[in-house]
N, C-alpha and C. Protein backbone atom coordinates (compact mmCIF):
# COMPACT_ATOMS: atom_id res chain seq x y z
N MET A 1 -14.44 48.94 12.43
CA MET A 1 -14.22 48.81 11.25
C MET A 1 -14.02 47.43 10.72
N VAL A 2 -15.17 46.70 10.16
CA VAL A 2 -14.91 45.95 9.16
C VAL A 2 -14.46 46.04 8.02
N ILE A 3 -13.89 44.91 7.52
CA ILE A 3 -12.86 44.97 6.11
C ILE A 3 -13.44 43.81 5.95
N ILE A 4 -14.09 43.92 4.84
CA ILE A 4 -14.94 43.00 3.95
C ILE A 4 -14.06 42.57 2.62
N LEU A 5 -13.26 43.60 2.41
CA LEU A 5 -13.04 43.46 0.15
C LEU A 5 -11.61 42.18 0.77
N PRO A 6 -10.47 41.97 1.43
CA PRO A 6 -9.91 40.43 1.22
C PRO A 6 -10.84 39.19 1.52
N THR A 7 -11.72 39.51 2.22
CA THR A 7 -12.64 38.53 2.50
C THR A 7 -13.18 37.71 1.41
N LEU A 8 -13.93 38.77 0.34
CA LEU A 8 -14.76 38.57 -0.54
C LEU A 8 -13.37 38.35 -1.74
N PHE A 9 -12.50 38.93 -1.93
CA PHE A 9 -10.94 38.33 -2.79
C PHE A 9 -10.87 37.16 -2.62
N TYR A 10 -11.17 36.70 -1.21
CA TYR A 10 -10.66 35.30 -1.10
C TYR A 10 -11.36 34.24 -1.53
N LEU A 11 -12.66 34.10 -1.20
CA LEU A 11 -13.76 33.49 -1.59
C LEU A 11 -13.61 33.59 -3.13
N LYS A 12 -13.41 34.29 -3.68
CA LYS A 12 -13.74 34.47 -5.14
C LYS A 12 -12.77 33.74 -5.87
N GLN A 13 -11.41 33.78 -4.99
CA GLN A 13 -10.65 33.24 -5.67
C GLN A 13 -10.49 31.96 -5.94
N TYR A 14 -10.81 31.26 -5.02
CA TYR A 14 -11.19 29.83 -4.47
C TYR A 14 -12.17 29.13 -5.18
N LYS A 15 -13.74 30.23 -5.48
CA LYS A 15 -14.51 29.64 -6.55
C LYS A 15 -14.57 29.25 -7.84
N THR A 16 -13.42 29.50 -8.40
CA THR A 16 -13.34 29.69 -10.15
C THR A 16 -12.54 28.31 -10.23
N MET A 17 -11.88 27.55 -9.04
CA MET A 17 -11.17 26.51 -9.41
C MET A 17 -11.58 25.46 -10.18
N ALA A 18 -11.43 24.56 -10.72
CA ALA A 18 -11.67 23.32 -11.43
C ALA A 18 -11.75 21.95 -10.67
N CYS A 19 -11.47 22.12 -9.75
CA CYS A 19 -11.69 20.97 -8.56
C CYS A 19 -13.31 20.44 -8.33
N SER A 20 -13.67 20.29 -8.84
CA SER A 20 -14.94 19.52 -8.95
C SER A 20 -15.76 18.46 -8.47
N LEU A 21 -16.62 18.32 -7.20
CA LEU A 21 -16.84 17.22 -6.61
C LEU A 21 -17.91 16.62 -7.58
N THR A 22 -18.29 15.25 -7.39
CA THR A 22 -18.80 14.14 -8.49
C THR A 22 -19.57 13.63 -7.89
N THR A 23 -19.47 13.84 -6.57
CA THR A 23 -20.59 12.57 -6.14
C THR A 23 -20.67 12.48 -4.24
N GLY A 24 -21.52 12.18 -3.93
CA GLY A 24 -21.80 12.02 -2.02
C GLY A 24 -21.47 9.97 -1.91
N ARG A 25 -22.14 9.80 -0.83
CA ARG A 25 -21.79 8.28 -0.24
C ARG A 25 -22.63 8.14 0.60
N LYS A 26 -23.39 7.41 0.73
CA LYS A 26 -24.14 6.61 1.58
C LYS A 26 -23.41 6.09 2.84
N VAL A 27 -24.17 5.87 3.54
CA VAL A 27 -23.26 5.21 4.96
C VAL A 27 -23.84 3.49 4.77
N PRO A 28 -22.34 2.57 4.76
CA PRO A 28 -22.93 1.78 4.61
C PRO A 28 -23.43 0.42 5.42
N CYS A 29 -23.56 -1.05 5.59
CA CYS A 29 -23.90 -1.61 6.35
C CYS A 29 -23.09 -1.95 6.63
N LYS A 30 -22.41 -2.84 8.07
CA LYS A 30 -21.80 -2.91 8.98
C LYS A 30 -21.54 -4.34 9.14
N SER A 31 -20.52 -4.48 7.44
CA SER A 31 -20.29 -6.08 7.03
C SER A 31 -18.60 -5.83 6.69
N ALA A 32 -18.23 -4.88 6.95
CA ALA A 32 -16.25 -5.03 6.64
C ALA A 32 -15.68 -5.61 7.91
N VAL A 33 -14.43 -5.70 7.39
CA VAL A 33 -13.62 -6.27 8.57
C VAL A 33 -12.21 -5.72 8.37
N GLY A 34 -11.45 -5.84 9.92
CA GLY A 34 -10.23 -5.03 9.02
C GLY A 34 -9.17 -5.95 9.25
N GLY A 35 -8.11 -6.21 8.74
CA GLY A 35 -6.46 -6.64 8.72
C GLY A 35 -6.60 -6.90 7.52
N ILE A 36 -5.53 -7.23 7.18
CA ILE A 36 -4.79 -8.09 5.55
C ILE A 36 -4.42 -9.71 6.11
N LYS A 37 -4.45 -10.43 4.78
CA LYS A 37 -3.73 -11.16 4.68
C LYS A 37 -3.18 -12.15 3.85
N THR A 38 -2.65 -11.19 2.29
CA THR A 38 -1.56 -11.39 1.66
C THR A 38 -1.00 -10.38 1.60
N ILE A 39 0.14 -10.32 1.53
CA ILE A 39 0.94 -9.54 0.48
C ILE A 39 2.18 -9.90 -0.51
N TYR A 40 1.76 -9.34 -1.37
CA TYR A 40 2.65 -9.66 -2.94
C TYR A 40 3.91 -8.84 -3.31
N PHE A 41 4.84 -9.54 -3.45
CA PHE A 41 5.82 -8.37 -3.93
C PHE A 41 6.44 -9.15 -5.10
N ALA A 42 6.62 -7.60 -5.98
CA ALA A 42 7.13 -7.92 -7.47
C ALA A 42 8.37 -6.64 -7.38
N ASP A 43 9.51 -7.54 -8.63
CA ASP A 43 10.47 -6.44 -8.58
C ASP A 43 10.02 -5.14 -9.65
N TYR A 44 10.63 -4.03 -8.72
CA TYR A 44 10.31 -2.53 -9.57
C TYR A 44 10.78 -2.46 -10.89
N GLY A 45 9.69 -1.86 -11.80
CA GLY A 45 10.02 -1.68 -12.96
C GLY A 45 9.34 -2.87 -13.83
N THR A 46 9.26 -3.79 -13.04
CA THR A 46 8.51 -5.15 -14.05
C THR A 46 6.88 -4.96 -14.67
N LEU A 47 6.31 -3.69 -13.92
CA LEU A 47 4.78 -3.75 -14.36
C LEU A 47 4.66 -3.48 -15.87
N GLY A 48 5.49 -2.46 -16.52
CA GLY A 48 5.00 -1.94 -17.33
C GLY A 48 3.77 -0.92 -17.42
N ASP A 49 3.43 -0.39 -18.37
CA ASP A 49 2.10 0.41 -18.16
C ASP A 49 0.78 0.05 -17.88
N ALA A 50 0.34 0.42 -16.49
CA ALA A 50 -1.04 0.05 -16.25
C ALA A 50 -2.60 0.22 -16.46
N THR A 51 -3.08 -0.41 -16.97
CA THR A 51 -4.45 0.17 -17.65
C THR A 51 -5.49 0.32 -16.24
N ILE A 52 -5.85 1.36 -16.31
CA ILE A 52 -6.60 1.58 -15.22
C ILE A 52 -7.96 2.28 -15.53
N SER A 53 -8.83 1.62 -14.88
CA SER A 53 -10.33 2.19 -15.74
C SER A 53 -11.18 2.54 -13.95
N ALA A 54 -11.89 3.79 -14.15
CA ALA A 54 -12.70 3.70 -12.77
C ALA A 54 -11.72 3.42 -11.51
N GLY A 55 -10.14 3.79 -11.57
CA GLY A 55 -9.51 3.86 -10.25
C GLY A 55 -9.44 2.48 -9.69
N GLU A 56 -9.43 1.49 -11.16
CA GLU A 56 -9.17 0.14 -10.57
C GLU A 56 -7.76 -0.33 -11.81
N ILE A 57 -7.02 -1.08 -11.42
CA ILE A 57 -6.29 -1.30 -12.65
C ILE A 57 -6.52 -2.89 -12.88
N THR A 58 -6.98 -2.95 -13.90
CA THR A 58 -7.52 -4.15 -14.77
C THR A 58 -6.37 -4.94 -15.42
N ALA A 59 -5.25 -4.48 -16.00
CA ALA A 59 -4.14 -5.15 -16.67
C ALA A 59 -2.70 -4.28 -16.34
N PHE A 60 -1.60 -4.82 -16.68
CA PHE A 60 -0.53 -4.42 -16.76
C PHE A 60 0.65 -4.84 -17.90
N ALA A 61 0.92 -4.18 -18.38
CA ALA A 61 1.78 -4.44 -19.96
C ALA A 61 2.76 -5.13 -19.89
N GLY A 62 3.66 -5.00 -18.88
CA GLY A 62 5.00 -5.83 -18.50
C GLY A 62 4.31 -7.37 -17.91
N THR A 63 5.41 -7.95 -17.27
CA THR A 63 5.46 -9.22 -17.01
C THR A 63 6.04 -9.04 -15.63
N PRO A 64 5.19 -8.63 -14.65
CA PRO A 64 5.92 -9.30 -12.92
C PRO A 64 5.32 -10.59 -12.91
N SER A 65 6.48 -10.95 -11.34
CA SER A 65 6.39 -11.67 -11.06
C SER A 65 5.78 -11.80 -9.64
N TRP A 66 4.75 -12.25 -9.63
CA TRP A 66 4.56 -11.90 -7.94
C TRP A 66 4.21 -13.33 -6.74
N PHE A 67 5.32 -12.40 -5.32
CA PHE A 67 6.04 -13.70 -5.00
C PHE A 67 4.83 -13.29 -3.29
N GLN A 68 4.43 -14.39 -2.98
CA GLN A 68 3.23 -14.14 -1.96
C GLN A 68 3.99 -14.53 -0.63
N PHE A 69 3.70 -13.38 0.24
CA PHE A 69 3.85 -13.34 1.58
C PHE A 69 2.37 -13.81 2.37
N ASP A 70 1.96 -14.75 3.27
CA ASP A 70 0.65 -15.11 3.87
C ASP A 70 1.26 -14.31 5.29
N VAL A 71 0.34 -13.75 5.67
CA VAL A 71 0.58 -12.47 6.90
C VAL A 71 -1.07 -12.79 7.39
N LYS A 72 -0.69 -12.50 9.37
CA LYS A 72 -1.73 -13.27 9.79
C LYS A 72 -1.60 -11.82 11.23
N GLY A 73 -2.68 -11.45 11.39
CA GLY A 73 -2.33 -10.67 12.81
C GLY A 73 -2.40 -9.18 13.07
N SER A 74 -0.59 -8.81 13.51
CA SER A 74 -0.20 -7.52 13.59
C SER A 74 -0.13 -6.32 12.29
N SER A 75 -0.44 -7.33 11.32
CA SER A 75 0.02 -6.51 9.48
C SER A 75 -1.32 -5.77 9.12
N SER A 76 -0.53 -4.31 8.57
CA SER A 76 -1.62 -3.54 8.41
C SER A 76 -1.26 -2.53 6.99
N LEU A 77 -2.18 -1.77 6.98
CA LEU A 77 -1.81 -1.00 5.72
C LEU A 77 -2.58 0.40 6.19
N GLU A 78 -1.95 1.13 6.29
CA GLU A 78 -2.44 2.86 6.63
C GLU A 78 -2.22 3.67 5.18
N THR A 79 -2.80 4.84 4.96
CA THR A 79 -2.57 5.89 3.71
C THR A 79 -2.78 6.79 4.48
N ALA A 80 -1.80 7.87 4.30
CA ALA A 80 -1.55 9.00 5.05
C ALA A 80 -2.08 10.56 3.82
N ILE A 81 -2.65 10.83 3.71
CA ILE A 81 -3.16 12.06 2.76
C ILE A 81 -2.64 13.09 3.36
N ASN A 82 -1.50 14.03 2.41
CA ASN A 82 -0.63 15.04 2.65
C ASN A 82 -0.93 15.99 1.39
N SER A 83 -1.27 17.17 2.14
CA SER A 83 -1.87 17.75 1.22
C SER A 83 -1.93 19.48 2.06
N SER A 84 -1.18 20.11 1.43
CA SER A 84 -0.79 21.49 1.55
C SER A 84 -1.36 22.79 0.61
N ARG A 85 -2.42 23.72 1.02
CA ARG A 85 -2.68 24.38 0.34
C ARG A 85 -1.60 25.82 0.32
N GLU A 86 -0.82 25.76 1.27
CA GLU A 86 0.28 26.61 0.84
C GLU A 86 1.40 26.53 -0.55
N ASN A 87 1.85 25.34 -0.53
CA ASN A 87 2.52 24.84 -1.49
C ASN A 87 1.69 24.40 -2.85
N GLY A 88 0.32 24.32 -2.96
CA GLY A 88 -0.61 23.94 -3.88
C GLY A 88 0.02 22.20 -4.48
N THR A 89 0.15 21.13 -3.51
CA THR A 89 0.56 20.27 -3.67
C THR A 89 -0.45 19.26 -2.60
N THR A 90 -0.19 17.89 -3.10
CA THR A 90 -0.87 16.41 -2.96
C THR A 90 -0.46 15.25 -3.11
N PHE A 91 -0.08 14.60 -1.93
CA PHE A 91 0.47 13.10 -2.10
C PHE A 91 -0.06 12.27 -0.99
N TYR A 92 0.25 11.17 -1.25
CA TYR A 92 -0.20 10.23 -0.38
C TYR A 92 0.82 8.88 -0.27
N GLU A 93 1.02 9.09 1.28
CA GLU A 93 1.70 7.95 1.94
C GLU A 93 1.59 7.10 2.24
N SER A 94 1.51 5.48 1.61
CA SER A 94 1.06 4.09 2.19
C SER A 94 1.90 3.72 3.46
N THR A 95 2.09 3.36 4.22
CA THR A 95 2.64 2.67 5.47
C THR A 95 2.20 1.37 5.26
N LEU A 96 3.20 0.15 5.53
CA LEU A 96 2.51 -1.05 5.35
C LEU A 96 3.38 -1.37 6.17
N THR A 97 3.08 -2.29 7.22
CA THR A 97 3.30 -2.93 8.81
C THR A 97 3.49 -4.38 8.14
N MET A 98 4.36 -5.62 8.13
CA MET A 98 4.49 -6.92 7.71
C MET A 98 5.07 -7.33 8.98
N SER A 99 4.45 -8.34 9.35
CA SER A 99 4.71 -9.22 10.67
C SER A 99 4.52 -10.23 10.09
N LEU A 100 5.92 -11.33 10.19
CA LEU A 100 5.86 -12.51 9.98
C LEU A 100 6.32 -13.29 11.46
N THR A 101 5.54 -14.55 11.78
CA THR A 101 5.69 -15.30 12.75
C THR A 101 6.65 -16.37 12.37
N PHE A 102 7.85 -16.72 13.53
CA PHE A 102 9.22 -17.64 13.04
C PHE A 102 10.05 -17.06 12.36
N GLN A 103 11.40 -17.19 13.01
CA GLN A 103 12.57 -16.96 12.48
C GLN A 103 13.34 -17.72 11.92
N ASP A 104 13.40 -18.15 10.42
CA ASP A 104 14.39 -18.94 9.34
C ASP A 104 15.25 -18.48 8.55
N LYS A 105 15.85 -18.92 7.77
CA LYS A 105 17.50 -18.58 7.38
C LYS A 105 16.78 -18.36 5.88
N ALA A 106 15.80 -18.56 5.57
CA ALA A 106 15.00 -18.84 4.14
C ALA A 106 14.84 -16.95 4.05
N THR A 107 13.68 -17.10 4.78
CA THR A 107 13.43 -15.95 5.47
C THR A 107 13.80 -14.67 4.88
N GLN A 108 15.00 -14.74 6.14
CA GLN A 108 15.93 -13.42 6.32
C GLN A 108 16.55 -13.03 5.21
N GLU A 109 16.93 -14.20 4.44
CA GLU A 109 17.64 -13.92 3.06
C GLU A 109 16.80 -12.85 2.30
N GLU A 110 15.51 -13.61 1.95
CA GLU A 110 14.89 -12.82 1.39
C GLU A 110 13.84 -11.52 1.30
N LEU A 111 13.81 -11.53 2.96
CA LEU A 111 13.84 -10.25 3.79
C LEU A 111 14.93 -9.26 3.52
N LYS A 112 15.97 -9.70 3.51
CA LYS A 112 17.28 -8.68 2.88
C LYS A 112 17.35 -8.34 1.43
N LEU A 113 16.72 -8.80 0.67
CA LEU A 113 16.79 -8.54 -0.33
C LEU A 113 15.74 -7.73 -0.52
N ILE A 114 14.58 -7.76 0.35
CA ILE A 114 13.32 -7.11 -0.13
C ILE A 114 13.80 -5.57 0.12
N ALA A 115 14.49 -5.77 1.36
CA ALA A 115 14.55 -4.32 2.25
C ALA A 115 16.05 -3.48 1.46
N HIS A 116 16.75 -4.05 0.40
CA HIS A 116 17.86 -3.59 -0.39
C HIS A 116 17.22 -2.91 -1.78
N ALA A 117 15.59 -3.59 -2.13
CA ALA A 117 15.18 -3.42 -3.39
C ALA A 117 14.08 -2.10 -3.29
N ARG A 118 13.48 -2.39 -3.98
CA ARG A 118 12.23 -1.26 -4.01
C ARG A 118 11.03 -1.44 -4.92
N PRO A 119 10.88 -2.54 -4.66
CA PRO A 119 9.49 -3.08 -4.75
C PRO A 119 8.28 -2.65 -5.07
N HIS A 120 7.40 -2.99 -5.67
CA HIS A 120 6.20 -3.11 -6.16
C HIS A 120 5.43 -4.20 -4.95
N ALA A 121 4.28 -3.82 -4.23
CA ALA A 121 3.81 -4.48 -3.16
C ALA A 121 2.23 -4.75 -3.43
N VAL A 122 1.66 -5.32 -3.33
CA VAL A 122 0.20 -5.61 -3.54
C VAL A 122 -0.26 -6.27 -2.03
N VAL A 123 -1.41 -5.15 -1.50
CA VAL A 123 -2.02 -6.08 -0.02
C VAL A 123 -3.17 -6.92 -0.55
N GLU A 124 -3.43 -7.97 -0.07
CA GLU A 124 -4.74 -8.40 -0.38
C GLU A 124 -5.31 -8.04 1.43
N ASP A 125 -6.96 -7.44 1.51
CA ASP A 125 -7.21 -7.38 2.78
C ASP A 125 -8.20 -8.63 3.15
N TYR A 126 -8.78 -8.87 4.21
CA TYR A 126 -9.43 -9.52 4.79
C TYR A 126 -11.74 -9.36 4.02
N ASN A 127 -11.67 -8.25 3.13
CA ASN A 127 -12.75 -7.76 2.24
C ASN A 127 -12.42 -8.34 0.85
N GLY A 128 -11.22 -8.93 0.40
CA GLY A 128 -11.22 -9.18 -0.75
C GLY A 128 -10.56 -8.52 -1.66
N ASN A 129 -10.25 -6.80 -1.32
CA ASN A 129 -9.78 -6.13 -1.99
C ASN A 129 -8.28 -6.61 -2.14
N TYR A 130 -7.66 -5.55 -3.29
CA TYR A 130 -5.86 -5.85 -3.43
C TYR A 130 -6.06 -4.30 -3.97
N PHE A 131 -5.11 -3.81 -3.32
CA PHE A 131 -4.39 -2.71 -2.94
C PHE A 131 -2.91 -2.37 -3.71
N LEU A 132 -2.15 -1.89 -4.26
CA LEU A 132 -0.97 -1.31 -5.43
C LEU A 132 -0.71 -0.53 -4.60
N LEU A 133 0.39 -0.68 -4.05
CA LEU A 133 1.78 0.65 -3.85
C LEU A 133 3.18 0.38 -4.26
N GLY A 134 3.03 2.07 -4.46
CA GLY A 134 4.18 2.05 -5.24
C GLY A 134 4.10 1.89 -7.06
N LEU A 135 3.02 2.11 -7.42
CA LEU A 135 3.30 1.88 -9.17
C LEU A 135 3.89 2.74 -9.54
N GLU A 136 3.96 4.13 -9.27
CA GLU A 136 5.42 4.85 -10.14
C GLU A 136 6.19 4.57 -9.60
N HIS A 137 6.98 4.53 -8.07
CA HIS A 137 7.94 4.92 -7.61
C HIS A 137 8.27 3.81 -6.52
N GLY A 138 7.61 2.93 -6.68
CA GLY A 138 8.12 1.54 -5.42
C GLY A 138 8.07 1.89 -4.14
N ALA A 139 7.98 0.87 -3.43
CA ALA A 139 7.91 1.19 -1.96
C ALA A 139 9.47 0.56 -1.57
N GLU A 140 9.51 1.40 -0.35
CA GLU A 140 10.92 0.95 0.57
C GLU A 140 10.62 0.58 1.69
N VAL A 141 11.62 -0.34 1.99
CA VAL A 141 11.72 -0.79 3.66
C VAL A 141 12.51 0.75 4.37
N THR A 142 11.98 0.96 5.29
CA THR A 142 12.07 2.20 6.27
C THR A 142 12.62 1.68 7.23
N GLY A 143 12.33 0.59 7.80
CA GLY A 143 12.66 -0.12 9.28
C GLY A 143 12.01 -1.63 9.16
N GLY A 144 12.36 -2.10 10.49
CA GLY A 144 11.92 -3.15 10.97
C GLY A 144 12.48 -3.80 12.31
N SER A 145 12.47 -4.97 12.47
CA SER A 145 13.37 -5.34 13.12
C SER A 145 13.01 -6.91 13.11
N ILE A 146 14.49 -7.81 13.67
CA ILE A 146 14.04 -9.62 13.71
C ILE A 146 14.02 -9.47 15.13
N THR A 147 13.41 -10.36 15.80
CA THR A 147 13.12 -10.67 17.51
C THR A 147 12.95 -11.54 17.54
N SER A 148 13.47 -11.62 18.69
CA SER A 148 13.38 -13.33 19.36
C SER A 148 11.98 -13.14 20.61
N GLY A 149 11.81 -12.37 21.24
CA GLY A 149 10.81 -11.95 22.11
C GLY A 149 11.82 -12.25 23.50
N ALA A 150 10.93 -11.90 24.38
CA ALA A 150 10.97 -12.07 25.95
C ALA A 150 10.51 -13.24 26.81
N ALA A 151 8.75 -13.11 26.25
CA ALA A 151 8.15 -13.91 27.36
C ALA A 151 7.70 -15.03 26.27
N MET A 152 7.01 -16.42 26.75
CA MET A 152 6.90 -17.30 25.67
C MET A 152 5.81 -16.87 24.91
N GLY A 153 5.03 -15.85 24.95
CA GLY A 153 3.66 -16.03 24.17
C GLY A 153 4.45 -14.37 23.17
N ASP A 154 5.82 -13.86 23.69
CA ASP A 154 6.06 -12.87 22.16
C ASP A 154 6.20 -13.46 20.87
N LEU A 155 6.52 -12.38 19.89
CA LEU A 155 6.48 -12.54 18.71
C LEU A 155 8.65 -13.34 18.30
N SER A 156 8.21 -14.06 18.19
CA SER A 156 9.76 -14.36 17.35
C SER A 156 9.54 -14.74 16.18
N GLY A 157 9.56 -13.84 15.44
CA GLY A 157 10.30 -13.43 13.86
C GLY A 157 10.65 -11.59 13.65
N TYR A 158 9.95 -12.01 12.43
CA TYR A 158 10.47 -10.55 11.66
C TYR A 158 8.90 -9.41 11.69
N SER A 159 9.47 -7.95 11.85
CA SER A 159 8.46 -6.60 11.41
C SER A 159 9.30 -6.06 10.35
N LEU A 160 8.43 -5.50 9.42
CA LEU A 160 9.40 -4.56 8.34
C LEU A 160 8.02 -3.80 8.53
N THR A 161 8.75 -2.35 7.91
CA THR A 161 7.63 -0.72 7.72
C THR A 161 8.11 -0.67 6.45
N ILE A 162 7.35 -0.85 5.45
CA ILE A 162 7.29 -0.55 3.97
C ILE A 162 6.52 0.85 3.93
N VAL A 163 7.30 1.47 3.18
CA VAL A 163 6.34 3.08 2.75
C VAL A 163 6.51 3.22 1.29
N ALA A 164 5.54 3.76 0.61
CA ALA A 164 5.43 4.32 -0.58
C ALA A 164 4.83 5.62 -0.69
N GLN A 165 5.54 6.38 -1.59
CA GLN A 165 5.02 7.86 -1.73
C GLN A 165 4.96 7.61 -3.22
N GLU A 166 3.13 8.67 -3.36
CA GLU A 166 2.44 8.88 -4.90
C GLU A 166 1.51 9.34 -4.95
N THR A 167 1.70 10.03 -6.11
CA THR A 167 0.53 11.13 -6.73
C THR A 167 -1.06 10.98 -6.13
N ALA A 168 -1.33 9.05 -6.48
CA ALA A 168 -2.55 9.10 -6.28
C ALA A 168 -3.01 7.72 -4.69
N PRO A 169 -3.59 7.66 -4.25
CA PRO A 169 -3.33 6.55 -3.45
C PRO A 169 -3.89 5.33 -4.09
N PRO A 170 -3.22 4.26 -3.02
CA PRO A 170 -3.20 2.69 -3.87
C PRO A 170 -4.36 2.25 -4.45
N TYR A 171 -4.09 2.25 -5.79
CA TYR A 171 -5.31 1.91 -6.21
C TYR A 171 -5.62 0.21 -6.25
N PHE A 172 -6.92 0.23 -6.36
CA PHE A 172 -7.44 -1.21 -6.36
C PHE A 172 -7.26 -1.93 -7.55
N VAL A 173 -7.38 -3.06 -7.36
CA VAL A 173 -6.67 -3.92 -8.71
C VAL A 173 -7.48 -5.47 -8.69
N VAL A 174 -7.97 -5.49 -9.65
CA VAL A 174 -8.70 -6.71 -9.92
C VAL A 174 -8.06 -7.98 -9.73
N PRO A 175 -8.14 -8.68 -8.92
CA PRO A 175 -7.59 -10.02 -8.23
C PRO A 175 -6.70 -10.59 -9.33
N ALA A 176 -7.58 -10.98 -10.15
CA ALA A 176 -6.80 -12.08 -11.35
C ALA A 176 -5.84 -11.27 -11.86
N VAL A 177 -5.52 -10.33 -11.98
CA VAL A 177 -3.94 -9.69 -12.61
C VAL A 177 -2.78 -9.74 -11.88
N ILE A 178 -3.24 -10.13 -10.48
CA ILE A 178 -2.12 -10.71 -9.46
C ILE A 178 -1.84 -11.74 -9.39
N THR A 179 -3.29 -12.69 -9.21
CA THR A 179 -3.18 -13.99 -8.53
C THR A 179 -2.39 -14.92 -9.80
N ALA A 180 -2.75 -14.58 -11.19
CA ALA A 180 -2.47 -15.10 -12.68
C ALA A 180 -1.11 -15.08 -12.78
N ASP A 181 -0.44 -14.19 -12.07
CA ASP A 181 1.17 -14.25 -12.26
C ASP A 181 2.09 -14.45 -11.43
N ALA A 182 1.16 -14.97 -9.81
CA ALA A 182 2.02 -15.35 -8.71
C ALA A 182 2.66 -16.57 -8.69
N SER A 183 3.86 -16.47 -8.49
CA SER A 183 4.90 -17.26 -8.10
C SER A 183 4.01 -18.61 -7.53
N ALA A 184 4.53 -19.93 -8.00
CA ALA A 184 3.85 -21.04 -6.46
C ALA A 184 5.08 -21.23 -5.49
N THR A 185 6.40 -20.54 -5.62
CA THR A 185 7.29 -20.69 -4.87
C THR A 185 6.96 -19.89 -3.79
N GLN A 186 7.10 -20.58 -2.39
CA GLN A 186 6.82 -19.97 -1.45
C GLN A 186 7.70 -20.50 -0.23
N ILE A 187 8.16 -19.75 0.92
CA ILE A 187 9.07 -20.22 1.96
C ILE A 187 8.28 -21.30 3.26
N ASP A 188 8.48 -22.34 3.16
CA ASP A 188 7.88 -22.98 4.28
C ASP A 188 9.10 -22.96 5.84
N PRO A 189 8.43 -21.78 6.49
CA PRO A 189 9.34 -21.68 7.83
C PRO A 189 9.48 -22.85 8.65
N THR A 190 8.08 -23.53 8.81
CA THR A 190 8.88 -24.95 9.79
C THR A 190 9.15 -26.47 9.35
N ALA A 191 9.47 -26.12 7.63
CA ALA A 191 9.88 -27.40 7.15
C ALA A 191 11.78 -27.46 7.71
């Protein structure tokens, strides 16, 4: 005996939802590269309202000061999509792994401030994209290490894991919105 009624009810229930798709996507050329090049931090709450157009931030009403950290190598950004049909929820968890070579007192003091705070973070990748983490809730340091390394070729420096949970994935940001307000102050660890 086959029961069809519950299946029909299930399909009919989800056919009426207003979550309509809008377009498809072609396969692009193989011109993208991985990796991130710069991370900018601003104090939580300094952004003000964001002007968002077609998924991209074009302006902030606030007056954030962005502090630039240049990175290379093993730093990365990954955003997990967390969606539950049972609970009817979807949120995005972005994990930024930041690796800084060389140990110095000034960097260690600044990283201590970042670890205690809940900053907004912008990541610039090697494709020229800028992504904002923690627009609404800020980003939190959830772990990391200060390491000397064991062998001559090992990392002597800092690693941080920074997590942001938001209702939207990291927004693209017009580069000038960040770079125009970026502080010229940067630590030179070898000086």
